[in-house]
Amino acid sequence: QLHLAESGGGLVQAGQSLRLSCGGSGNSLKVYTMSWFRQAPGKEREGVACLNMDTDGTYYGQSQTGRFTISRDNAKNTVYLQMNSLEPEDTGIFFCNTWRSGTGYWGQGTQVTVSL
């Protein structure tokens, strides 16, 4: 059974950076396509970044392009989300996610709060 655990969130000021981590246990993450989602207060969860395990291609939401970078370290079984030039609109709970055989796997999330 795959388990995901996010970390690295916190309270920062606008313009600063954070790096989120998603650690996997129970199975290797390198066989999966991994994504990061954000859930802002009162809103639905939305995708912000995706890493395709077959092509190593990366995909970002429109507001994240140029500021966020998704990457992975197979040796550490960890996926990262580097977030630069953070804006108050980036505030929310960030979740990592993957799918296998029709089953979605989610971590517990990590809170990111960006103040002016």
PDB file of N, CA and C in Angstrom:
ATOM      1  N   GLN A   1       0.846  -1.182   0.000  1.00  0.00           N
ATOM      2  CA  GLN A   1       0.000   0.000   0.000  1.00  0.00           C
ATOM      3  C   GLN A   1       0.888   1.241   0.000  1.00  0.00           C
ATOM      4  N   LEU A   2       0.632   2.112  -0.953  1.00  0.00           N
ATOM      5  CA  LEU A   2       1.401   3.347  -1.046  1.00  0.00           C
ATOM      6  C   LEU A   2       0.861   4.382  -0.074  1.00  0.00           C
ATOM      7  N   HIS A   3       1.767   5.054   0.629  1.00  0.00           N
ATOM      8  CA  HIS A   3       1.408   6.152   1.509  1.00  0.00           C
ATOM      9  C   HIS A   3       2.231   7.370   1.132  1.00  0.00           C
ATOM     10  N   LEU A   4       1.565   8.526   1.115  1.00  0.00           N
ATOM     11  CA  LEU A   4       2.221   9.783   0.788  1.00  0.00           C
ATOM     12  C   LEU A   4       2.153  10.725   1.985  1.00  0.00           C
ATOM     13  N   ALA A   5       3.217  11.482   2.192  1.00  0.00           N
ATOM     14  CA  ALA A   5       3.246  12.428   3.308  1.00  0.00           C
ATOM     15  C   ALA A   5       3.912  13.710   2.857  1.00  0.00           C
ATOM     16  N   GLU A   6       3.163  14.816   2.929  1.00  0.00           N
ATOM     17  CA  GLU A   6       3.694  16.113   2.545  1.00  0.00           C
ATOM     18  C   GLU A   6       4.315  16.824   3.748  1.00  0.00           C
ATOM     19  N   SER A   7       5.266  17.693   3.452  1.00  0.00           N
ATOM     20  CA  SER A   7       5.877  18.540   4.472  1.00  0.00           C
ATOM     21  C   SER A   7       6.458  19.772   3.802  1.00  0.00           C
ATOM     22  N   GLY A   8       6.840  20.735   4.621  1.00  0.00           N
ATOM     23  CA  GLY A   8       7.521  21.914   4.106  1.00  0.00           C
ATOM     24  C   GLY A   8       6.681  23.173   4.031  1.00  0.00           C
ATOM     25  N   GLY A   9       5.401  23.069   4.359  1.00  0.00           N
ATOM     26  CA  GLY A   9       4.556  24.255   4.334  1.00  0.00           C
ATOM     27  C   GLY A   9       4.908  25.215   5.451  1.00  0.00           C
ATOM     28  N   GLY A  10       4.289  26.383   5.423  1.00  0.00           N
ATOM     29  CA  GLY A  10       4.539  27.364   6.461  1.00  0.00           C
ATOM     30  C   GLY A  10       3.951  28.702   6.116  1.00  0.00           C
ATOM     31  N   LEU A  11       4.282  29.691   6.920  1.00  0.00           N
ATOM     32  CA  LEU A  11       3.828  31.067   6.728  1.00  0.00           C
ATOM     33  C   LEU A  11       4.997  31.885   6.173  1.00  0.00           C
ATOM     34  N   VAL A  12       4.796  32.480   5.015  1.00  0.00           N
ATOM     35  CA  VAL A  12       5.831  33.307   4.397  1.00  0.00           C
ATOM     36  C   VAL A  12       5.215  34.603   3.900  1.00  0.00           C
ATOM     37  N   GLN A  13       6.073  35.558   3.598  1.00  0.00           N
ATOM     38  CA  GLN A  13       5.611  36.813   3.014  1.00  0.00           C
ATOM     39  C   GLN A  13       5.618  36.718   1.488  1.00  0.00           C
ATOM     40  N   ALA A  14       4.811  37.539   0.873  1.00  0.00           N
ATOM     41  CA  ALA A  14       4.761  37.586  -0.586  1.00  0.00           C
ATOM     42  C   ALA A  14       6.159  37.834  -1.151  1.00  0.00           C
ATOM     43  N   GLY A  15       6.488  37.094  -2.205  1.00  0.00           N
ATOM     44  CA  GLY A  15       7.792  37.213  -2.825  1.00  0.00           C
ATOM     45  C   GLY A  15       8.811  36.184  -2.360  1.00  0.00           C
ATOM     46  N   GLN A  16       8.521  35.554  -1.232  1.00  0.00           N
ATOM     47  CA  GLN A  16       9.446  34.550  -0.717  1.00  0.00           C
ATOM     48  C   GLN A  16       9.199  33.185  -1.357  1.00  0.00           C
ATOM     49  N   SER A  17      10.017  32.209  -0.942  1.00  0.00           N
ATOM     50  CA  SER A  17       9.970  30.873  -1.539  1.00  0.00           C
ATOM     51  C   SER A  17       9.737  29.807  -0.476  1.00  0.00           C
ATOM     52  N   LEU A  18       9.222  28.679  -0.914  1.00  0.00           N
ATOM     53  CA  LEU A  18       9.087  27.481  -0.086  1.00  0.00           C
ATOM     54  C   LEU A  18       9.347  26.276  -0.965  1.00  0.00           C
ATOM     55  N   ARG A  19       9.846  25.215  -0.345  1.00  0.00           N
ATOM     56  CA  ARG A  19       9.960  23.948  -1.053  1.00  0.00           C
ATOM     57  C   ARG A  19       9.166  22.898  -0.286  1.00  0.00           C
ATOM     58  N   LEU A  20       8.180  22.347  -0.950  1.00  0.00           N
ATOM     59  CA  LEU A  20       7.376  21.287  -0.370  1.00  0.00           C
ATOM     60  C   LEU A  20       7.956  19.936  -0.761  1.00  0.00           C
ATOM     61  N   SER A  21       7.801  18.987   0.145  1.00  0.00           N
ATOM     62  CA  SER A  21       8.258  17.626  -0.108  1.00  0.00           C
ATOM     63  C   SER A  21       7.095  16.657   0.021  1.00  0.00           C
ATOM     64  N   CYS A  22       7.140  15.620  -0.780  1.00  0.00           N
ATOM     65  CA  CYS A  22       6.154  14.537  -0.707  1.00  0.00           C
ATOM     66  C   CYS A  22       6.930  13.231  -0.640  1.00  0.00           C
ATOM     67  N   GLY A  23       6.965  12.643   0.536  1.00  0.00           N
ATOM     68  CA  GLY A  23       7.672  11.395   0.728  1.00  0.00           C
ATOM     69  C   GLY A  23       6.751  10.208   0.530  1.00  0.00           C
ATOM     70  N   GLY A  24       7.251   9.180  -0.131  1.00  0.00           N
ATOM     71  CA  GLY A  24       6.464   7.982  -0.354  1.00  0.00           C
ATOM     72  C   GLY A  24       6.972   6.813   0.479  1.00  0.00           C
ATOM     73  N   SER A  25       6.049   5.976   0.926  1.00  0.00           N
ATOM     74  CA  SER A  25       6.407   4.747   1.621  1.00  0.00           C
ATOM     75  C   SER A  25       5.488   3.637   1.148  1.00  0.00           C
ATOM     76  N   GLY A  26       5.995   2.431   1.191  1.00  0.00           N
ATOM     77  CA  GLY A  26       5.198   1.290   0.768  1.00  0.00           C
ATOM     78  C   GLY A  26       5.390   0.935  -0.688  1.00  0.00           C
ATOM     79  N   ASN A  27       5.936   1.864  -1.466  1.00  0.00           N
ATOM     80  CA  ASN A  27       6.208   1.588  -2.868  1.00  0.00           C
ATOM     81  C   ASN A  27       7.058   2.726  -3.421  1.00  0.00           C
ATOM     82  N   SER A  28       7.733   2.457  -4.503  1.00  0.00           N
ATOM     83  CA  SER A  28       8.581   3.478  -5.111  1.00  0.00           C
ATOM     84  C   SER A  28       7.740   4.486  -5.884  1.00  0.00           C
ATOM     85  N   LEU A  29       8.068   5.768  -5.717  1.00  0.00           N
ATOM     86  CA  LEU A  29       7.326   6.794  -6.436  1.00  0.00           C
ATOM     87  C   LEU A  29       7.750   6.902  -7.884  1.00  0.00           C
ATOM     88  N   LYS A  30       8.880   6.333  -8.249  1.00  0.00           N
ATOM     89  CA  LYS A  30       9.392   6.565  -9.598  1.00  0.00           C
ATOM     90  C   LYS A  30       8.567   5.862 -10.662  1.00  0.00           C
ATOM     91  N   VAL A  31       7.693   4.960 -10.243  1.00  0.00           N
ATOM     92  CA  VAL A  31       6.848   4.280 -11.224  1.00  0.00           C
ATOM     93  C   VAL A  31       5.548   5.026 -11.459  1.00  0.00           C
ATOM     94  N   TYR A  32       5.352   6.137 -10.772  1.00  0.00           N
ATOM     95  CA  TYR A  32       4.089   6.845 -10.846  1.00  0.00           C
ATOM     96  C   TYR A  32       4.261   8.235 -11.453  1.00  0.00           C
ATOM     97  N   THR A  33       3.203   8.709 -12.103  1.00  0.00           N
ATOM     98  CA  THR A  33       3.087  10.110 -12.422  1.00  0.00           C
ATOM     99  C   THR A  33       2.591  10.823 -11.179  1.00  0.00           C
ATOM    100  N   MET A  34       3.288  11.875 -10.797  1.00  0.00           N
ATOM    101  CA  MET A  34       2.987  12.566  -9.542  1.00  0.00           C
ATOM    102  C   MET A  34       2.465  13.966  -9.817  1.00  0.00           C
ATOM    103  N   SER A  35       1.552  14.394  -8.957  1.00  0.00           N
ATOM    104  CA  SER A  35       0.966  15.725  -9.107  1.00  0.00           C
ATOM    105  C   SER A  35       0.898  16.416  -7.754  1.00  0.00           C
ATOM    106  N   TRP A  36       0.848  17.740  -7.809  1.00  0.00           N
ATOM    107  CA  TRP A  36       0.574  18.560  -6.643  1.00  0.00           C
ATOM    108  C   TRP A  36      -0.737  19.308  -6.896  1.00  0.00           C
ATOM    109  N   PHE A  37      -1.550  19.357  -5.849  1.00  0.00           N
ATOM    110  CA  PHE A  37      -2.809  20.076  -5.887  1.00  0.00           C
ATOM    111  C   PHE A  37      -2.829  21.091  -4.755  1.00  0.00           C
ATOM    112  N   ARG A  38      -3.613  22.136  -4.941  1.00  0.00           N
ATOM    113  CA  ARG A  38      -3.833  23.122  -3.883  1.00  0.00           C
ATOM    114  C   ARG A  38      -5.327  23.256  -3.639  1.00  0.00           C
ATOM    115  N   GLN A  39      -5.682  23.352  -2.365  1.00  0.00           N
ATOM    116  CA  GLN A  39      -7.071  23.630  -1.998  1.00  0.00           C
ATOM    117  C   GLN A  39      -7.099  24.915  -1.206  1.00  0.00           C
ATOM    118  N   ALA A  40      -7.606  25.969  -1.838  1.00  0.00           N
ATOM    119  CA  ALA A  40      -7.726  27.253  -1.182  1.00  0.00           C
ATOM    120  C   ALA A  40      -8.960  27.253  -0.292  1.00  0.00           C
ATOM    121  N   PRO A  41      -8.989  28.106   0.722  1.00  0.00           N
ATOM    122  CA  PRO A  41     -10.145  28.148   1.620  1.00  0.00           C
ATOM    123  C   PRO A  41     -11.455  28.347   0.867  1.00  0.00           C
ATOM    124  N   GLY A  42     -12.416  27.452   1.094  1.00  0.00           N
ATOM    125  CA  GLY A  42     -13.722  27.563   0.482  1.00  0.00           C
ATOM    126  C   GLY A  42     -13.780  27.193  -0.980  1.00  0.00           C
ATOM    127  N   LYS A  43     -12.699  26.650  -1.518  1.00  0.00           N
ATOM    128  CA  LYS A  43     -12.665  26.312  -2.940  1.00  0.00           C
ATOM    129  C   LYS A  43     -12.324  24.838  -3.129  1.00  0.00           C
ATOM    130  N   GLU A  44     -12.562  24.375  -4.355  1.00  0.00           N
ATOM    131  CA  GLU A  44     -12.241  22.986  -4.669  1.00  0.00           C
ATOM    132  C   GLU A  44     -10.736  22.816  -4.888  1.00  0.00           C
ATOM    133  N   ARG A  45     -10.312  21.595  -4.744  1.00  0.00           N
ATOM    134  CA  ARG A  45      -8.912  21.270  -4.984  1.00  0.00           C
ATOM    135  C   ARG A  45      -8.592  21.450  -6.468  1.00  0.00           C
ATOM    136  N   GLU A  46      -7.438  22.065  -6.765  1.00  0.00           N
ATOM    137  CA  GLU A  46      -7.054  22.264  -8.160  1.00  0.00           C
ATOM    138  C   GLU A  46      -5.601  21.854  -8.365  1.00  0.00           C
ATOM    139  N   GLY A  47      -5.318  21.346  -9.554  1.00  0.00           N
ATOM    140  CA  GLY A  47      -3.966  20.919  -9.867  1.00  0.00           C
ATOM    141  C   GLY A  47      -3.059  22.099 -10.106  1.00  0.00           C
ATOM    142  N   VAL A  48      -1.826  22.014  -9.610  1.00  0.00           N
ATOM    143  CA  VAL A  48      -0.856  23.082  -9.829  1.00  0.00           C
ATOM    144  C   VAL A  48       0.377  22.605 -10.570  1.00  0.00           C
ATOM    145  N   ALA A  49       0.712  21.314 -10.472  1.00  0.00           N
ATOM    146  CA  ALA A  49       1.904  20.813 -11.158  1.00  0.00           C
ATOM    147  C   ALA A  49       1.805  19.308 -11.305  1.00  0.00           C
ATOM    148  N   CYS A  50       2.431  18.800 -12.375  1.00  0.00           N
ATOM    149  CA  CYS A  50       2.401  17.371 -12.649  1.00  0.00           C
ATOM    150  C   CYS A  50       3.727  16.953 -13.264  1.00  0.00           C
ATOM    151  N   LEU A  51       4.198  15.772 -12.876  1.00  0.00           N
ATOM    152  CA  LEU A  51       5.436  15.217 -13.418  1.00  0.00           C
ATOM    153  C   LEU A  51       5.114  13.865 -14.030  1.00  0.00           C
ATOM    154  N   ASN A  52       5.306  13.758 -15.338  1.00  0.00           N
ATOM    155  CA  ASN A  52       5.015  12.519 -16.059  1.00  0.00           C
ATOM    156  C   ASN A  52       6.191  11.562 -15.929  1.00  0.00           C
ATOM    157  N   MET A  53       5.951  10.391 -15.365  1.00  0.00           N
ATOM    158  CA  MET A  53       7.051   9.469 -15.106  1.00  0.00           C
ATOM    159  C   MET A  53       7.590   8.821 -16.373  1.00  0.00           C
ATOM    160  N   ASP A  54       6.800   8.778 -17.426  1.00  0.00           N
ATOM    161  CA  ASP A  54       7.260   8.159 -18.661  1.00  0.00           C
ATOM    162  C   ASP A  54       8.189   9.081 -19.441  1.00  0.00           C
ATOM    163  N   THR A  55       7.857  10.362 -19.472  1.00  0.00           N
ATOM    164  CA  THR A  55       8.601  11.308 -20.308  1.00  0.00           C
ATOM    165  C   THR A  55       9.429  12.298 -19.500  1.00  0.00           C
ATOM    166  N   ASP A  56       9.212  12.316 -18.177  1.00  0.00           N
ATOM    167  CA  ASP A  56       9.786  13.358 -17.314  1.00  0.00           C
ATOM    168  C   ASP A  56       9.278  14.745 -17.709  1.00  0.00           C
ATOM    169  N   GLY A  57       8.210  14.765 -18.468  1.00  0.00           N
ATOM    170  CA  GLY A  57       7.610  16.044 -18.807  1.00  0.00           C
ATOM    171  C   GLY A  57       6.911  16.653 -17.605  1.00  0.00           C
ATOM    172  N   THR A  58       6.925  17.972 -17.534  1.00  0.00           N
ATOM    173  CA  THR A  58       6.297  18.677 -16.426  1.00  0.00           C
ATOM    174  C   THR A  58       5.195  19.595 -16.947  1.00  0.00           C
ATOM    175  N   TYR A  59       4.175  19.756 -16.152  1.00  0.00           N
ATOM    176  CA  TYR A  59       3.027  20.568 -16.545  1.00  0.00           C
ATOM    177  C   TYR A  59       2.615  21.408 -15.346  1.00  0.00           C
ATOM    178  N   TYR A  60       2.214  22.647 -15.621  1.00  0.00           N
ATOM    179  CA  TYR A  60       1.880  23.570 -14.546  1.00  0.00           C
ATOM    180  C   TYR A  60       0.577  24.302 -14.859  1.00  0.00           C
ATOM    181  N   GLY A  61      -0.089  24.708 -13.777  1.00  0.00           N
ATOM    182  CA  GLY A  61      -1.239  25.575 -13.941  1.00  0.00           C
ATOM    183  C   GLY A  61      -0.799  26.927 -14.474  1.00  0.00           C
ATOM    184  N   GLN A  62      -1.735  27.654 -15.037  1.00  0.00           N
ATOM    185  CA  GLN A  62      -1.393  28.921 -15.676  1.00  0.00           C
ATOM    186  C   GLN A  62      -0.743  29.890 -14.706  1.00  0.00           C
ATOM    187  N   SER A  63      -1.259  29.966 -13.492  1.00  0.00           N
ATOM    188  CA  SER A  63      -0.718  30.934 -12.541  1.00  0.00           C
ATOM    189  C   SER A  63       0.575  30.456 -11.888  1.00  0.00           C
ATOM    190  N   GLN A  64       0.926  29.187 -12.088  1.00  0.00           N
ATOM    191  CA  GLN A  64       2.147  28.639 -11.489  1.00  0.00           C
ATOM    192  C   GLN A  64       3.325  28.617 -12.457  1.00  0.00           C
ATOM    193  N   THR A  65       3.030  28.681 -13.746  1.00  0.00           N
ATOM    194  CA  THR A  65       4.081  28.596 -14.748  1.00  0.00           C
ATOM    195  C   THR A  65       5.106  29.710 -14.562  1.00  0.00           C
ATOM    196  N   GLY A  66       6.361  29.292 -14.509  1.00  0.00           N
ATOM    197  CA  GLY A  66       7.444  30.245 -14.328  1.00  0.00           C
ATOM    198  C   GLY A  66       7.817  30.493 -12.883  1.00  0.00           C
ATOM    199  N   ARG A  67       6.958  30.072 -11.952  1.00  0.00           N
ATOM    200  CA  ARG A  67       7.247  30.292 -10.531  1.00  0.00           C
ATOM    201  C   ARG A  67       7.450  28.981  -9.773  1.00  0.00           C
ATOM    202  N   PHE A  68       6.753  27.922 -10.194  1.00  0.00           N
ATOM    203  CA  PHE A  68       6.811  26.628  -9.503  1.00  0.00           C
ATOM    204  C   PHE A  68       7.601  25.632 -10.339  1.00  0.00           C
ATOM    205  N   THR A  69       8.290  24.718  -9.652  1.00  0.00           N
ATOM    206  CA  THR A  69       9.016  23.640 -10.320  1.00  0.00           C
ATOM    207  C   THR A  69       8.783  22.341  -9.571  1.00  0.00           C
ATOM    208  N   ILE A  70       8.315  21.326 -10.291  1.00  0.00           N
ATOM    209  CA  ILE A  70       8.137  19.993  -9.701  1.00  0.00           C
ATOM    210  C   ILE A  70       9.319  19.136 -10.109  1.00  0.00           C
ATOM    211  N   SER A  71       9.809  18.348  -9.158  1.00  0.00           N
ATOM    212  CA  SER A  71      10.955  17.478  -9.432  1.00  0.00           C
ATOM    213  C   SER A  71      10.890  16.278  -8.514  1.00  0.00           C
ATOM    214  N   ARG A  72      11.773  15.310  -8.726  1.00  0.00           N
ATOM    215  CA  ARG A  72      11.781  14.152  -7.843  1.00  0.00           C
ATOM    216  C   ARG A  72      13.202  13.676  -7.626  1.00  0.00           C
ATOM    217  N   ASP A  73      13.382  13.016  -6.506  1.00  0.00           N
ATOM    218  CA  ASP A  73      14.638  12.368  -6.154  1.00  0.00           C
ATOM    219  C   ASP A  73      14.304  10.910  -5.909  1.00  0.00           C
ATOM    220  N   ASN A  74      14.595  10.060  -6.892  1.00  0.00           N
ATOM    221  CA  ASN A  74      14.229   8.653  -6.766  1.00  0.00           C
ATOM    222  C   ASN A  74      14.957   7.969  -5.608  1.00  0.00           C
ATOM    223  N   ALA A  75      16.186   8.369  -5.350  1.00  0.00           N
ATOM    224  CA  ALA A  75      16.949   7.755  -4.258  1.00  0.00           C
ATOM    225  C   ALA A  75      16.291   8.017  -2.912  1.00  0.00           C
ATOM    226  N   LYS A  76      15.643   9.183  -2.782  1.00  0.00           N
ATOM    227  CA  LYS A  76      14.966   9.532  -1.524  1.00  0.00           C
ATOM    228  C   LYS A  76      13.478   9.213  -1.583  1.00  0.00           C
ATOM    229  N   ASN A  77      13.016   8.710  -2.737  1.00  0.00           N
ATOM    230  CA  ASN A  77      11.592   8.400  -2.905  1.00  0.00           C
ATOM    231  C   ASN A  77      10.724   9.613  -2.553  1.00  0.00           C
ATOM    232  N   THR A  78      11.126  10.745  -3.069  1.00  0.00           N
ATOM    233  CA  THR A  78      10.487  12.010  -2.707  1.00  0.00           C
ATOM    234  C   THR A  78      10.260  12.852  -3.957  1.00  0.00           C
ATOM    235  N   VAL A  79       9.132  13.540  -3.956  1.00  0.00           N
ATOM    236  CA  VAL A  79       8.802  14.508  -5.004  1.00  0.00           C
ATOM    237  C   VAL A  79       8.755  15.883  -4.356  1.00  0.00           C
ATOM    238  N   TYR A  80       9.247  16.883  -5.058  1.00  0.00           N
ATOM    239  CA  TYR A  80       9.332  18.233  -4.507  1.00  0.00           C
ATOM    240  C   TYR A  80       8.493  19.208  -5.327  1.00  0.00           C
ATOM    241  N   LEU A  81       8.120  20.277  -4.668  1.00  0.00           N
ATOM    242  CA  LEU A  81       7.515  21.414  -5.366  1.00  0.00           C
ATOM    243  C   LEU A  81       8.220  22.665  -4.867  1.00  0.00           C
ATOM    244  N   GLN A  82       9.077  23.206  -5.721  1.00  0.00           N
ATOM    245  CA  GLN A  82       9.752  24.457  -5.404  1.00  0.00           C
ATOM    246  C   GLN A  82       8.846  25.602  -5.823  1.00  0.00           C
ATOM    247  N   MET A  83       8.529  26.466  -4.874  1.00  0.00           N
ATOM    248  CA  MET A  83       7.611  27.575  -5.146  1.00  0.00           C
ATOM    249  C   MET A  83       8.339  28.889  -4.894  1.00  0.00           C
ATOM    250  N   ASN A  84       8.507  29.672  -5.936  1.00  0.00           N
ATOM    251  CA  ASN A  84       9.179  30.969  -5.845  1.00  0.00           C
ATOM    252  C   ASN A  84       8.181  32.098  -6.089  1.00  0.00           C
ATOM    253  N   SER A  85       8.580  33.285  -5.689  1.00  0.00           N
ATOM    254  CA  SER A  85       7.745  34.476  -5.900  1.00  0.00           C
ATOM    255  C   SER A  85       6.310  34.233  -5.455  1.00  0.00           C
ATOM    256  N   LEU A  86       6.171  33.719  -4.249  1.00  0.00           N
ATOM    257  CA  LEU A  86       4.850  33.360  -3.754  1.00  0.00           C
ATOM    258  C   LEU A  86       3.953  34.585  -3.621  1.00  0.00           C
ATOM    259  N   GLU A  87       2.680  34.358  -3.871  1.00  0.00           N
ATOM    260  CA  GLU A  87       1.664  35.408  -3.820  1.00  0.00           C
ATOM    261  C   GLU A  87       0.595  35.009  -2.820  1.00  0.00           C
ATOM    262  N   PRO A  88      -0.120  35.982  -2.254  1.00  0.00           N
ATOM    263  CA  PRO A  88      -1.201  35.624  -1.315  1.00  0.00           C
ATOM    264  C   PRO A  88      -2.212  34.655  -1.934  1.00  0.00           C
ATOM    265  N   GLU A  89      -2.397  34.721  -3.249  1.00  0.00           N
ATOM    266  CA  GLU A  89      -3.333  33.821  -3.924  1.00  0.00           C
ATOM    267  C   GLU A  89      -2.861  32.358  -3.923  1.00  0.00           C
ATOM    268  N   ASP A  90      -1.610  32.127  -3.575  1.00  0.00           N
ATOM    269  CA  ASP A  90      -1.104  30.748  -3.484  1.00  0.00           C
ATOM    270  C   ASP A  90      -1.483  30.085  -2.166  1.00  0.00           C
ATOM    271  N   THR A  91      -2.054  30.818  -1.252  1.00  0.00           N
ATOM    272  CA  THR A  91      -2.426  30.277   0.057  1.00  0.00           C
ATOM    273  C   THR A  91      -3.384  29.110  -0.090  1.00  0.00           C
ATOM    274  N   GLY A  92      -3.122  28.050   0.692  1.00  0.00           N
ATOM    275  CA  GLY A  92      -3.993  26.888   0.685  1.00  0.00           C
ATOM    276  C   GLY A  92      -3.294  25.678   1.261  1.00  0.00           C
ATOM    277  N   ILE A  93      -3.999  24.576   1.237  1.00  0.00           N
ATOM    278  CA  ILE A  93      -3.408  23.305   1.641  1.00  0.00           C
ATOM    279  C   ILE A  93      -2.920  22.605   0.376  1.00  0.00           C
ATOM    280  N   PHE A  94      -1.670  22.189   0.392  1.00  0.00           N
ATOM    281  CA  PHE A  94      -1.074  21.534  -0.769  1.00  0.00           C
ATOM    282  C   PHE A  94      -1.008  20.033  -0.522  1.00  0.00           C
ATOM    283  N   PHE A  95      -1.475  19.287  -1.523  1.00  0.00           N
ATOM    284  CA  PHE A  95      -1.506  17.834  -1.453  1.00  0.00           C
ATOM    285  C   PHE A  95      -0.698  17.249  -2.616  1.00  0.00           C
ATOM    286  N   CYS A  96      -0.009  16.167  -2.371  1.00  0.00           N
ATOM    287  CA  CYS A  96       0.545  15.409  -3.489  1.00  0.00           C
ATOM    288  C   CYS A  96      -0.389  14.242  -3.783  1.00  0.00           C
ATOM    289  N   ASN A  97      -0.287  13.785  -5.011  1.00  0.00           N
ATOM    290  CA  ASN A  97      -1.281  12.814  -5.496  1.00  0.00           C
ATOM    291  C   ASN A  97      -0.692  11.949  -6.589  1.00  0.00           C
ATOM    292  N   THR A  98      -1.169  10.708  -6.631  1.00  0.00           N
ATOM    293  CA  THR A  98      -0.886   9.861  -7.768  1.00  0.00           C
ATOM    294  C   THR A  98      -2.039   8.878  -7.919  1.00  0.00           C
ATOM    295  N   TRP A  99      -2.067   8.218  -9.071  1.00  0.00           N
ATOM    296  CA  TRP A  99      -3.122   7.251  -9.356  1.00  0.00           C
ATOM    297  C   TRP A  99      -2.483   5.946  -9.778  1.00  0.00           C
ATOM    298  N   ARG A 100      -3.109   4.859  -9.343  1.00  0.00           N
ATOM    299  CA  ARG A 100      -2.645   3.549  -9.760  1.00  0.00           C
ATOM    300  C   ARG A 100      -3.837   2.633  -9.855  1.00  0.00           C
ATOM    301  N   SER A 101      -4.031   2.072 -11.019  1.00  0.00           N
ATOM    302  CA  SER A 101      -5.128   1.127 -11.240  1.00  0.00           C
ATOM    303  C   SER A 101      -6.462   1.695 -10.796  1.00  0.00           C
ATOM    304  N   GLY A 102      -6.672   2.955 -11.115  1.00  0.00           N
ATOM    305  CA  GLY A 102      -7.956   3.564 -10.824  1.00  0.00           C
ATOM    306  C   GLY A 102      -8.131   4.042  -9.397  1.00  0.00           C
ATOM    307  N   THR A 103      -7.111   3.908  -8.583  1.00  0.00           N
ATOM    308  CA  THR A 103      -7.189   4.347  -7.186  1.00  0.00           C
ATOM    309  C   THR A 103      -6.320   5.581  -6.997  1.00  0.00           C
ATOM    310  N   GLY A 104      -6.897   6.609  -6.405  1.00  0.00           N
ATOM    311  CA  GLY A 104      -6.152   7.819  -6.129  1.00  0.00           C
ATOM    312  C   GLY A 104      -5.525   7.761  -4.749  1.00  0.00           C
ATOM    313  N   TYR A 105      -4.293   8.212  -4.660  1.00  0.00           N
ATOM    314  CA  TYR A 105      -3.572   8.253  -3.391  1.00  0.00           C
ATOM    315  C   TYR A 105      -3.261   9.708  -3.068  1.00  0.00           C
ATOM    316  N   TRP A 106      -3.550  10.096  -1.822  1.00  0.00           N
ATOM    317  CA  TRP A 106      -3.339  11.461  -1.362  1.00  0.00           C
ATOM    318  C   TRP A 106      -2.621  11.452  -0.019  1.00  0.00           C
ATOM    319  N   GLY A 107      -1.818  12.486   0.191  1.00  0.00           N
ATOM    320  CA  GLY A 107      -1.266  12.686   1.513  1.00  0.00           C
ATOM    321  C   GLY A 107      -2.233  13.487   2.358  1.00  0.00           C
ATOM    322  N   GLN A 108      -1.788  13.867   3.553  1.00  0.00           N
ATOM    323  CA  GLN A 108      -2.646  14.599   4.475  1.00  0.00           C
ATOM    324  C   GLN A 108      -2.638  16.096   4.194  1.00  0.00           C
ATOM    325  N   GLY A 109      -1.696  16.539   3.381  1.00  0.00           N
ATOM    326  CA  GLY A 109      -1.608  17.946   3.011  1.00  0.00           C
ATOM    327  C   GLY A 109      -0.689  18.737   3.917  1.00  0.00           C
ATOM    328  N   THR A 110      -0.203  19.853   3.385  1.00  0.00           N
ATOM    329  CA  THR A 110       0.624  20.771   4.166  1.00  0.00           C
ATOM    330  C   THR A 110       0.151  22.196   3.879  1.00  0.00           C
ATOM    331  N   GLN A 111      -0.002  22.979   4.936  1.00  0.00           N
ATOM    332  CA  GLN A 111      -0.577  24.319   4.815  1.00  0.00           C
ATOM    333  C   GLN A 111       0.479  25.325   4.376  1.00  0.00           C
ATOM    334  N   VAL A 112       0.126  26.104   3.373  1.00  0.00           N
ATOM    335  CA  VAL A 112       0.963  27.213   2.923  1.00  0.00           C
ATOM    336  C   VAL A 112       0.147  28.494   3.060  1.00  0.00           C
ATOM    337  N   THR A 113       0.695  29.454   3.773  1.00  0.00           N
ATOM    338  CA  THR A 113       0.032  30.742   3.941  1.00  0.00           C
ATOM    339  C   THR A 113       0.992  31.841   3.513  1.00  0.00           C
ATOM    340  N   VAL A 114       0.537  32.671   2.581  1.00  0.00           N
ATOM    341  CA  VAL A 114       1.362  33.746   2.060  1.00  0.00           C
ATOM    342  C   VAL A 114       0.712  35.069   2.448  1.00  0.00           C
ATOM    343  N   SER A 115       1.441  35.872   3.195  1.00  0.00           N
ATOM    344  CA  SER A 115       0.913  37.164   3.649  1.00  0.00           C
ATOM    345  C   SER A 115       1.516  38.296   2.825  1.00  0.00           C
ATOM    346  N   LEU A 116       0.817  39.430   2.850  1.00  0.00           N
ATOM    347  CA  LEU A 116       1.312  40.603   2.110  1.00  0.00           C
ATOM    348  C   LEU A 116       2.525  41.198   2.788  1.00  0.00           C
TER     349      LEU A 116
END
